[in-house]
Amino acid sequence: VPDVCDPVVWRQALDGRTELEPTAH
């Protein structure tokens, strides 16, 4: 599980999968 301070957010895709996606700096 990523650290909450890490610039990575959880995003749910419409198909129900969860993937990590880096945000802008």
mmCIF file of all heavy atoms, coordinates in Angstrom:
data_MODEL
# 
_entry.id   MODEL 
# 
loop_
_atom_site.group_PDB 
_atom_site.id 
_atom_site.type_symbol 
_atom_site.label_atom_id 
_atom_site.label_alt_id 
_atom_site.label_comp_id 
_atom_site.label_asym_id 
_atom_site.label_entity_id 
_atom_site.label_seq_id 
_atom_site.pdbx_PDB_ins_code 
_atom_site.Cartn_x 
_atom_site.Cartn_y 
_atom_site.Cartn_z 
_atom_site.occupancy 
_atom_site.B_iso_or_equiv 
_atom_site.pdbx_formal_charge 
_atom_site.auth_seq_id 
_atom_site.auth_comp_id 
_atom_site.auth_asym_id 
_atom_site.auth_atom_id 
_atom_site.pdbx_PDB_model_num 
ATOM 1   N N   . VAL A 1 1  ? 0.864   -1.174 0.000   1.00 0.00 ? 1  VAL A N   1 
ATOM 2   C CA  . VAL A 1 1  ? 0.000   0.000  0.000   1.00 0.00 ? 1  VAL A CA  1 
ATOM 3   C C   . VAL A 1 1  ? 0.906   1.232  0.000   1.00 0.00 ? 1  VAL A C   1 
ATOM 4   O O   . VAL A 1 1  ? 1.806   1.337  0.825   1.00 0.00 ? 1  VAL A O   1 
ATOM 5   C CB  . VAL A 1 1  ? -0.918  0.000  1.239   1.00 0.00 ? 1  VAL A CB  1 
ATOM 6   C CG1 . VAL A 1 1  ? -1.760  1.256  1.269   1.00 0.00 ? 1  VAL A CG1 1 
ATOM 7   C CG2 . VAL A 1 1  ? -1.776  -1.236 1.241   1.00 0.00 ? 1  VAL A CG2 1 
ATOM 8   N N   . PRO A 1 2  ? 0.698   2.166  -0.922  1.00 0.00 ? 2  PRO A N   1 
ATOM 9   C CA  . PRO A 1 2  ? 1.597   3.322  -0.983  1.00 0.00 ? 2  PRO A CA  1 
ATOM 10  C C   . PRO A 1 2  ? 1.407   4.232  0.220   1.00 0.00 ? 2  PRO A C   1 
ATOM 11  O O   . PRO A 1 2  ? 0.362   4.257  0.848   1.00 0.00 ? 2  PRO A O   1 
ATOM 12  C CB  . PRO A 1 2  ? 1.182   4.030  -2.275  1.00 0.00 ? 2  PRO A CB  1 
ATOM 13  C CG  . PRO A 1 2  ? -0.219  3.612  -2.488  1.00 0.00 ? 2  PRO A CG  1 
ATOM 14  C CD  . PRO A 1 2  ? -0.339  2.218  -1.930  1.00 0.00 ? 2  PRO A CD  1 
ATOM 15  N N   . ASP A 1 3  ? 2.465   4.951  0.512   1.00 0.00 ? 3  ASP A N   1 
ATOM 16  C CA  . ASP A 1 3  ? 2.440   5.933  1.601   1.00 0.00 ? 3  ASP A CA  1 
ATOM 17  C C   . ASP A 1 3  ? 1.492   7.063  1.209   1.00 0.00 ? 3  ASP A C   1 
ATOM 18  O O   . ASP A 1 3  ? 1.409   7.446  0.046   1.00 0.00 ? 3  ASP A O   1 
ATOM 19  C CB  . ASP A 1 3  ? 3.862   6.467  1.818   1.00 0.00 ? 3  ASP A CB  1 
ATOM 20  C CG  . ASP A 1 3  ? 3.959   7.360  3.031   1.00 0.00 ? 3  ASP A CG  1 
ATOM 21  O OD1 . ASP A 1 3  ? 3.009   7.387  3.836   1.00 0.00 ? 3  ASP A OD1 1 
ATOM 22  O OD2 . ASP A 1 3  ? 4.997   8.025  3.175   1.00 0.00 ? 3  ASP A OD2 1 
ATOM 23  N N   . VAL A 1 4  ? 0.781   7.633  2.203   1.00 0.00 ? 4  VAL A N   1 
ATOM 24  C CA  . VAL A 1 4  ? -0.177  8.681  1.886   1.00 0.00 ? 4  VAL A CA  1 
ATOM 25  C C   . VAL A 1 4  ? 0.516   9.944  1.390   1.00 0.00 ? 4  VAL A C   1 
ATOM 26  O O   . VAL A 1 4  ? -0.090  10.766 0.729   1.00 0.00 ? 4  VAL A O   1 
ATOM 27  C CB  . VAL A 1 4  ? -1.069  9.006  3.102   1.00 0.00 ? 4  VAL A CB  1 
ATOM 28  C CG1 . VAL A 1 4  ? -2.030  7.891  3.365   1.00 0.00 ? 4  VAL A CG1 1 
ATOM 29  C CG2 . VAL A 1 4  ? -0.243  9.338  4.309   1.00 0.00 ? 4  VAL A CG2 1 
ATOM 30  N N   . CYS A 1 5  ? 1.776   10.114 1.721   1.00 0.00 ? 5  CYS A N   1 
ATOM 31  C CA  . CYS A 1 5  ? 2.509   11.294 1.251   1.00 0.00 ? 5  CYS A CA  1 
ATOM 32  C C   . CYS A 1 5  ? 3.053   11.103 -0.150  1.00 0.00 ? 5  CYS A C   1 
ATOM 33  O O   . CYS A 1 5  ? 3.515   12.050 -0.762  1.00 0.00 ? 5  CYS A O   1 
ATOM 34  C CB  . CYS A 1 5  ? 3.660   11.610 2.210   1.00 0.00 ? 5  CYS A CB  1 
ATOM 35  S SG  . CYS A 1 5  ? 3.075   12.076 3.844   1.00 0.00 ? 5  CYS A SG  1 
ATOM 36  N N   . ASP A 1 6  ? 3.029   9.864  -0.636  1.00 0.00 ? 6  ASP A N   1 
ATOM 37  C CA  . ASP A 1 6  ? 3.548   9.579  -1.963  1.00 0.00 ? 6  ASP A CA  1 
ATOM 38  C C   . ASP A 1 6  ? 2.603   10.185 -2.994  1.00 0.00 ? 6  ASP A C   1 
ATOM 39  O O   . ASP A 1 6  ? 1.381   10.102 -2.852  1.00 0.00 ? 6  ASP A O   1 
ATOM 40  C CB  . ASP A 1 6  ? 3.636   8.063  -2.144  1.00 0.00 ? 6  ASP A CB  1 
ATOM 41  C CG  . ASP A 1 6  ? 4.489   7.681  -3.326  1.00 0.00 ? 6  ASP A CG  1 
ATOM 42  O OD1 . ASP A 1 6  ? 5.232   8.541  -3.811  1.00 0.00 ? 6  ASP A OD1 1 
ATOM 43  O OD2 . ASP A 1 6  ? 4.407   6.519  -3.758  1.00 0.00 ? 6  ASP A OD2 1 
ATOM 44  N N   . PRO A 1 7  ? 3.125   10.804 -4.058  1.00 0.00 ? 7  PRO A N   1 
ATOM 45  C CA  . PRO A 1 7  ? 2.233   11.417 -5.047  1.00 0.00 ? 7  PRO A CA  1 
ATOM 46  C C   . PRO A 1 7  ? 1.593   10.382 -5.959  1.00 0.00 ? 7  PRO A C   1 
ATOM 47  O O   . PRO A 1 7  ? 1.632   10.479 -7.172  1.00 0.00 ? 7  PRO A O   1 
ATOM 48  C CB  . PRO A 1 7  ? 3.143   12.376 -5.798  1.00 0.00 ? 7  PRO A CB  1 
ATOM 49  C CG  . PRO A 1 7  ? 4.486   11.791 -5.685  1.00 0.00 ? 7  PRO A CG  1 
ATOM 50  C CD  . PRO A 1 7  ? 4.516   11.116 -4.343  1.00 0.00 ? 7  PRO A CD  1 
ATOM 51  N N   . VAL A 1 8  ? 1.065   9.380  -5.380  1.00 0.00 ? 8  VAL A N   1 
ATOM 52  C CA  . VAL A 1 8  ? 0.364   8.332  -6.137  1.00 0.00 ? 8  VAL A CA  1 
ATOM 53  C C   . VAL A 1 8  ? -1.045  8.252  -5.574  1.00 0.00 ? 8  VAL A C   1 
ATOM 54  O O   . VAL A 1 8  ? -1.236  8.262  -4.367  1.00 0.00 ? 8  VAL A O   1 
ATOM 55  C CB  . VAL A 1 8  ? 1.092   6.982  -5.984  1.00 0.00 ? 8  VAL A CB  1 
ATOM 56  C CG1 . VAL A 1 8  ? 0.329   5.878  -6.683  1.00 0.00 ? 8  VAL A CG1 1 
ATOM 57  C CG2 . VAL A 1 8  ? 2.504   7.080  -6.506  1.00 0.00 ? 8  VAL A CG2 1 
ATOM 58  N N   . VAL A 1 9  ? -1.993  8.232  -6.403  1.00 0.00 ? 9  VAL A N   1 
ATOM 59  C CA  . VAL A 1 9  ? -3.377  8.165  -5.939  1.00 0.00 ? 9  VAL A CA  1 
ATOM 60  C C   . VAL A 1 9  ? -4.037  6.903  -6.439  1.00 0.00 ? 9  VAL A C   1 
ATOM 61  O O   . VAL A 1 9  ? -3.656  6.329  -7.476  1.00 0.00 ? 9  VAL A O   1 
ATOM 62  C CB  . VAL A 1 9  ? -4.181  9.405  -6.419  1.00 0.00 ? 9  VAL A CB  1 
ATOM 63  C CG1 . VAL A 1 9  ? -3.675  10.662 -5.785  1.00 0.00 ? 9  VAL A CG1 1 
ATOM 64  C CG2 . VAL A 1 9  ? -4.192  9.488  -7.913  1.00 0.00 ? 9  VAL A CG2 1 
ATOM 65  N N   . TRP A 1 10 ? -5.063  6.467  -5.688  1.00 0.00 ? 10 TRP A N   1 
ATOM 66  C CA  . TRP A 1 10 ? -5.863  5.327  -6.105  1.00 0.00 ? 10 TRP A CA  1 
ATOM 67  C C   . TRP A 1 10 ? -6.967  5.819  -7.033  1.00 0.00 ? 10 TRP A C   1 
ATOM 68  O O   . TRP A 1 10 ? -7.592  6.819  -6.773  1.00 0.00 ? 10 TRP A O   1 
ATOM 69  C CB  . TRP A 1 10 ? -6.496  4.664  -4.877  1.00 0.00 ? 10 TRP A CB  1 
ATOM 70  C CG  . TRP A 1 10 ? -5.498  3.981  -3.996  1.00 0.00 ? 10 TRP A CG  1 
ATOM 71  C CD1 . TRP A 1 10 ? -4.864  4.494  -2.939  1.00 0.00 ? 10 TRP A CD1 1 
ATOM 72  C CD2 . TRP A 1 10 ? -5.017  2.668  -4.154  1.00 0.00 ? 10 TRP A CD2 1 
ATOM 73  N NE1 . TRP A 1 10 ? -4.018  3.593  -2.392  1.00 0.00 ? 10 TRP A NE1 1 
ATOM 74  C CE2 . TRP A 1 10 ? -4.099  2.442  -3.134  1.00 0.00 ? 10 TRP A CE2 1 
ATOM 75  C CE3 . TRP A 1 10 ? -5.274  1.636  -5.068  1.00 0.00 ? 10 TRP A CE3 1 
ATOM 76  C CZ2 . TRP A 1 10 ? -3.425  1.255  -2.974  1.00 0.00 ? 10 TRP A CZ2 1 
ATOM 77  C CZ3 . TRP A 1 10 ? -4.609  0.446  -4.897  1.00 0.00 ? 10 TRP A CZ3 1 
ATOM 78  C CH2 . TRP A 1 10 ? -3.695  0.253  -3.866  1.00 0.00 ? 10 TRP A CH2 1 
ATOM 79  N N   . ARG A 1 11 ? -7.100  5.106  -8.114  1.00 0.00 ? 11 ARG A N   1 
ATOM 80  C CA  . ARG A 1 11 ? -8.167  5.463  -9.039  1.00 0.00 ? 11 ARG A CA  1 
ATOM 81  C C   . ARG A 1 11 ? -8.929  4.205  -9.404  1.00 0.00 ? 11 ARG A C   1 
ATOM 82  O O   . ARG A 1 11 ? -8.320  3.171  -9.679  1.00 0.00 ? 11 ARG A O   1 
ATOM 83  C CB  . ARG A 1 11 ? -7.577  6.090  -10.290 1.00 0.00 ? 11 ARG A CB  1 
ATOM 84  C CG  . ARG A 1 11 ? -8.620  6.570  -11.257 1.00 0.00 ? 11 ARG A CG  1 
ATOM 85  C CD  . ARG A 1 11 ? -7.970  7.209  -12.451 1.00 0.00 ? 11 ARG A CD  1 
ATOM 86  N NE  . ARG A 1 11 ? -7.216  6.221  -13.207 1.00 0.00 ? 11 ARG A NE  1 
ATOM 87  C CZ  . ARG A 1 11 ? -7.625  5.727  -14.361 1.00 0.00 ? 11 ARG A CZ  1 
ATOM 88  N NH1 . ARG A 1 11 ? -8.754  6.114  -14.892 1.00 0.00 ? 11 ARG A NH1 1 
ATOM 89  N NH2 . ARG A 1 11 ? -6.902  4.842  -14.989 1.00 0.00 ? 11 ARG A NH2 1 
ATOM 90  N N   . GLN A 1 12 ? -10.204 4.313  -9.354  1.00 0.00 ? 12 GLN A N   1 
ATOM 91  C CA  . GLN A 1 12 ? -11.028 3.158  -9.751  1.00 0.00 ? 12 GLN A CA  1 
ATOM 92  C C   . GLN A 1 12 ? -11.455 3.338  -11.193 1.00 0.00 ? 12 GLN A C   1 
ATOM 93  O O   . GLN A 1 12 ? -11.987 4.374  -11.563 1.00 0.00 ? 12 GLN A O   1 
ATOM 94  C CB  . GLN A 1 12 ? -12.260 3.042  -8.867  1.00 0.00 ? 12 GLN A CB  1 
ATOM 95  C CG  . GLN A 1 12 ? -11.924 2.641  -7.469  1.00 0.00 ? 12 GLN A CG  1 
ATOM 96  C CD  . GLN A 1 12 ? -13.188 2.329  -6.686  1.00 0.00 ? 12 GLN A CD  1 
ATOM 97  O OE1 . GLN A 1 12 ? -14.272 2.688  -7.090  1.00 0.00 ? 12 GLN A OE1 1 
ATOM 98  N NE2 . GLN A 1 12 ? -13.008 1.632  -5.599  1.00 0.00 ? 12 GLN A NE2 1 
ATOM 99  N N   . ALA A 1 13 ? -11.174 2.347  -11.926 1.00 0.00 ? 13 ALA A N   1 
ATOM 100 C CA  . ALA A 1 13 ? -11.595 2.361  -13.323 1.00 0.00 ? 13 ALA A CA  1 
ATOM 101 C C   . ALA A 1 13 ? -13.065 1.953  -13.390 1.00 0.00 ? 13 ALA A C   1 
ATOM 102 O O   . ALA A 1 13 ? -13.612 1.359  -12.471 1.00 0.00 ? 13 ALA A O   1 
ATOM 103 C CB  . ALA A 1 13 ? -10.735 1.402  -14.141 1.00 0.00 ? 13 ALA A CB  1 
ATOM 104 N N   . LEU A 1 14 ? -13.676 2.265  -14.462 1.00 0.00 ? 14 LEU A N   1 
ATOM 105 C CA  . LEU A 1 14 ? -15.082 1.930  -14.616 1.00 0.00 ? 14 LEU A CA  1 
ATOM 106 C C   . LEU A 1 14 ? -15.323 0.425  -14.603 1.00 0.00 ? 14 LEU A C   1 
ATOM 107 O O   . LEU A 1 14 ? -16.391 -0.036 -14.249 1.00 0.00 ? 14 LEU A O   1 
ATOM 108 C CB  . LEU A 1 14 ? -15.633 2.539  -15.901 1.00 0.00 ? 14 LEU A CB  1 
ATOM 109 C CG  . LEU A 1 14 ? -15.747 4.056  -15.895 1.00 0.00 ? 14 LEU A CG  1 
ATOM 110 C CD1 . LEU A 1 14 ? -16.213 4.553  -17.247 1.00 0.00 ? 14 LEU A CD1 1 
ATOM 111 C CD2 . LEU A 1 14 ? -16.707 4.496  -14.811 1.00 0.00 ? 14 LEU A CD2 1 
ATOM 112 N N   . ASP A 1 15 ? -14.320 -0.344 -14.956 1.00 0.00 ? 15 ASP A N   1 
ATOM 113 C CA  . ASP A 1 15 ? -14.517 -1.795 -14.983 1.00 0.00 ? 15 ASP A CA  1 
ATOM 114 C C   . ASP A 1 15 ? -14.291 -2.439 -13.617 1.00 0.00 ? 15 ASP A C   1 
ATOM 115 O O   . ASP A 1 15 ? -14.348 -3.651 -13.482 1.00 0.00 ? 15 ASP A O   1 
ATOM 116 C CB  . ASP A 1 15 ? -13.611 -2.450 -16.025 1.00 0.00 ? 15 ASP A CB  1 
ATOM 117 C CG  . ASP A 1 15 ? -12.145 -2.215 -15.746 1.00 0.00 ? 15 ASP A CG  1 
ATOM 118 O OD1 . ASP A 1 15 ? -11.839 -1.523 -14.754 1.00 0.00 ? 15 ASP A OD1 1 
ATOM 119 O OD2 . ASP A 1 15 ? -11.303 -2.720 -16.508 1.00 0.00 ? 15 ASP A OD2 1 
ATOM 120 N N   . GLY A 1 16 ? -14.022 -1.615 -12.565 1.00 0.00 ? 16 GLY A N   1 
ATOM 121 C CA  . GLY A 1 16 ? -13.897 -2.142 -11.223 1.00 0.00 ? 16 GLY A CA  1 
ATOM 122 C C   . GLY A 1 16 ? -12.489 -2.502 -10.808 1.00 0.00 ? 16 GLY A C   1 
ATOM 123 O O   . GLY A 1 16 ? -12.244 -2.938 -9.700  1.00 0.00 ? 16 GLY A O   1 
ATOM 124 N N   . ARG A 1 17 ? -11.507 -2.344 -11.694 1.00 0.00 ? 17 ARG A N   1 
ATOM 125 C CA  . ARG A 1 17 ? -10.130 -2.648 -11.323 1.00 0.00 ? 17 ARG A CA  1 
ATOM 126 C C   . ARG A 1 17 ? -9.527  -1.433 -10.616 1.00 0.00 ? 17 ARG A C   1 
ATOM 127 O O   . ARG A 1 17 ? -9.886  -0.301 -10.887 1.00 0.00 ? 17 ARG A O   1 
ATOM 128 C CB  . ARG A 1 17 ? -9.290  -2.962 -12.566 1.00 0.00 ? 17 ARG A CB  1 
ATOM 129 C CG  . ARG A 1 17 ? -9.641  -4.291 -13.203 1.00 0.00 ? 17 ARG A CG  1 
ATOM 130 C CD  . ARG A 1 17 ? -8.777  -4.556 -14.415 1.00 0.00 ? 17 ARG A CD  1 
ATOM 131 N NE  . ARG A 1 17 ? -8.995  -3.539 -15.445 1.00 0.00 ? 17 ARG A NE  1 
ATOM 132 C CZ  . ARG A 1 17 ? -7.998  -2.874 -16.059 1.00 0.00 ? 17 ARG A CZ  1 
ATOM 133 N NH1 . ARG A 1 17 ? -6.756  -3.121 -15.769 1.00 0.00 ? 17 ARG A NH1 1 
ATOM 134 N NH2 . ARG A 1 17 ? -8.263  -1.985 -16.972 1.00 0.00 ? 17 ARG A NH2 1 
ATOM 135 N N   . THR A 1 18 ? -8.613  -1.689 -9.713  1.00 0.00 ? 18 THR A N   1 
ATOM 136 C CA  . THR A 1 18 ? -7.891  -0.617 -9.034  1.00 0.00 ? 18 THR A CA  1 
ATOM 137 C C   . THR A 1 18 ? -6.462  -0.625 -9.534  1.00 0.00 ? 18 THR A C   1 
ATOM 138 O O   . THR A 1 18 ? -5.818  -1.653 -9.584  1.00 0.00 ? 18 THR A O   1 
ATOM 139 C CB  . THR A 1 18 ? -7.880  -0.844 -7.512  1.00 0.00 ? 18 THR A CB  1 
ATOM 140 O OG1 . THR A 1 18 ? -9.227  -0.957 -7.096  1.00 0.00 ? 18 THR A OG1 1 
ATOM 141 C CG2 . THR A 1 18 ? -7.233  0.302  -6.805  1.00 0.00 ? 18 THR A CG2 1 
ATOM 142 N N   . GLU A 1 19 ? -5.997  0.521  -9.901  1.00 0.00 ? 19 GLU A N   1 
ATOM 143 C CA  . GLU A 1 19 ? -4.614  0.615  -10.370 1.00 0.00 ? 19 GLU A CA  1 
ATOM 144 C C   . GLU A 1 19 ? -3.974  1.864  -9.787  1.00 0.00 ? 19 GLU A C   1 
ATOM 145 O O   . GLU A 1 19 ? -4.655  2.797  -9.343  1.00 0.00 ? 19 GLU A O   1 
ATOM 146 C CB  . GLU A 1 19 ? -4.569  0.650  -11.899 1.00 0.00 ? 19 GLU A CB  1 
ATOM 147 C CG  . GLU A 1 19 ? -5.335  1.814  -12.478 1.00 0.00 ? 19 GLU A CG  1 
ATOM 148 C CD  . GLU A 1 19 ? -5.393  1.775  -13.988 1.00 0.00 ? 19 GLU A CD  1 
ATOM 149 O OE1 . GLU A 1 19 ? -5.887  0.784  -14.549 1.00 0.00 ? 19 GLU A OE1 1 
ATOM 150 O OE2 . GLU A 1 19 ? -4.926  2.756  -14.591 1.00 0.00 ? 19 GLU A OE2 1 
ATOM 151 N N   . LEU A 1 20 ? -2.668  1.874  -9.736  1.00 0.00 ? 20 LEU A N   1 
ATOM 152 C CA  . LEU A 1 20 ? -1.916  3.026  -9.247  1.00 0.00 ? 20 LEU A CA  1 
ATOM 153 C C   . LEU A 1 20 ? -1.596  3.930  -10.419 1.00 0.00 ? 20 LEU A C   1 
ATOM 154 O O   . LEU A 1 20 ? -1.156  3.473  -11.462 1.00 0.00 ? 20 LEU A O   1 
ATOM 155 C CB  . LEU A 1 20 ? -0.623  2.579  -8.559  1.00 0.00 ? 20 LEU A CB  1 
ATOM 156 C CG  . LEU A 1 20 ? -0.809  1.760  -7.296  1.00 0.00 ? 20 LEU A CG  1 
ATOM 157 C CD1 . LEU A 1 20 ? 0.539   1.269  -6.798  1.00 0.00 ? 20 LEU A CD1 1 
ATOM 158 C CD2 . LEU A 1 20 ? -1.468  2.605  -6.247  1.00 0.00 ? 20 LEU A CD2 1 
ATOM 159 N N   . GLU A 1 21 ? -1.821  5.201  -10.216 1.00 0.00 ? 21 GLU A N   1 
ATOM 160 C CA  . GLU A 1 21 ? -1.530  6.143  -11.270 1.00 0.00 ? 21 GLU A CA  1 
ATOM 161 C C   . GLU A 1 21 ? -0.796  7.341  -10.670 1.00 0.00 ? 21 GLU A C   1 
ATOM 162 O O   . GLU A 1 21 ? -1.328  8.001  -9.772  1.00 0.00 ? 21 GLU A O   1 
ATOM 163 C CB  . GLU A 1 21 ? -2.829  6.623  -11.915 1.00 0.00 ? 21 GLU A CB  1 
ATOM 164 C CG  . GLU A 1 21 ? -2.608  7.621  -13.022 1.00 0.00 ? 21 GLU A CG  1 
ATOM 165 C CD  . GLU A 1 21 ? -3.936  8.055  -13.613 1.00 0.00 ? 21 GLU A CD  1 
ATOM 166 O OE1 . GLU A 1 21 ? -4.572  7.248  -14.299 1.00 0.00 ? 21 GLU A OE1 1 
ATOM 167 O OE2 . GLU A 1 21 ? -4.315  9.212  -13.369 1.00 0.00 ? 21 GLU A OE2 1 
ATOM 168 N N   . PRO A 1 22 ? 0.406   7.630  -11.100 1.00 0.00 ? 22 PRO A N   1 
ATOM 169 C CA  . PRO A 1 22 ? 1.108   8.795  -10.551 1.00 0.00 ? 22 PRO A CA  1 
ATOM 170 C C   . PRO A 1 22 ? 0.431   10.085 -11.000 1.00 0.00 ? 22 PRO A C   1 
ATOM 171 O O   . PRO A 1 22 ? -0.045  10.184 -12.123 1.00 0.00 ? 22 PRO A O   1 
ATOM 172 C CB  . PRO A 1 22 ? 2.522   8.674  -11.106 1.00 0.00 ? 22 PRO A CB  1 
ATOM 173 C CG  . PRO A 1 22 ? 2.404   7.754  -12.274 1.00 0.00 ? 22 PRO A CG  1 
ATOM 174 C CD  . PRO A 1 22 ? 1.183   6.915  -12.072 1.00 0.00 ? 22 PRO A CD  1 
ATOM 175 N N   . THR A 1 23 ? 0.342   11.014 -10.095 1.00 0.00 ? 23 THR A N   1 
ATOM 176 C CA  . THR A 1 23 ? -0.239  12.308 -10.435 1.00 0.00 ? 23 THR A CA  1 
ATOM 177 C C   . THR A 1 23 ? 0.862   13.231 -10.929 1.00 0.00 ? 23 THR A C   1 
ATOM 178 O O   . THR A 1 23 ? 2.041   12.884 -10.937 1.00 0.00 ? 23 THR A O   1 
ATOM 179 C CB  . THR A 1 23 ? -0.890  12.946 -9.194  1.00 0.00 ? 23 THR A CB  1 
ATOM 180 O OG1 . THR A 1 23 ? 0.108   13.131 -8.210  1.00 0.00 ? 23 THR A OG1 1 
ATOM 181 C CG2 . THR A 1 23 ? -1.996  12.081 -8.658  1.00 0.00 ? 23 THR A CG2 1 
ATOM 182 N N   . ALA A 1 24 ? 0.446   14.408 -11.325 1.00 0.00 ? 24 ALA A N   1 
ATOM 183 C CA  . ALA A 1 24 ? 1.431   15.411 -11.718 1.00 0.00 ? 24 ALA A CA  1 
ATOM 184 C C   . ALA A 1 24 ? 2.291   15.746 -10.509 1.00 0.00 ? 24 ALA A C   1 
ATOM 185 O O   . ALA A 1 24 ? 1.871   15.598 -9.370  1.00 0.00 ? 24 ALA A O   1 
ATOM 186 C CB  . ALA A 1 24 ? 0.719   16.651 -12.240 1.00 0.00 ? 24 ALA A CB  1 
ATOM 187 N N   . HIS A 1 25 ? 3.494   16.209 -10.764 1.00 0.00 ? 25 HIS A N   1 
ATOM 188 C CA  . HIS A 1 25 ? 4.439   16.522 -9.679  1.00 0.00 ? 25 HIS A CA  1 
ATOM 189 C C   . HIS A 1 25 ? 3.841   17.562 -8.734  1.00 0.00 ? 25 HIS A C   1 
ATOM 190 O O   . HIS A 1 25 ? 3.422   18.632 -9.159  1.00 0.00 ? 25 HIS A O   1 
ATOM 191 C CB  . HIS A 1 25 ? 5.754   17.046 -10.264 1.00 0.00 ? 25 HIS A CB  1 
ATOM 192 C CG  . HIS A 1 25 ? 6.722   17.513 -9.217  1.00 0.00 ? 25 HIS A CG  1 
ATOM 193 N ND1 . HIS A 1 25 ? 7.359   16.645 -8.374  1.00 0.00 ? 25 HIS A ND1 1 
ATOM 194 C CD2 . HIS A 1 25 ? 7.136   18.748 -8.877  1.00 0.00 ? 25 HIS A CD2 1 
ATOM 195 C CE1 . HIS A 1 25 ? 8.133   17.320 -7.552  1.00 0.00 ? 25 HIS A CE1 1 
ATOM 196 N NE2 . HIS A 1 25 ? 8.020   18.613 -7.851  1.00 0.00 ? 25 HIS A NE2 1 
# 
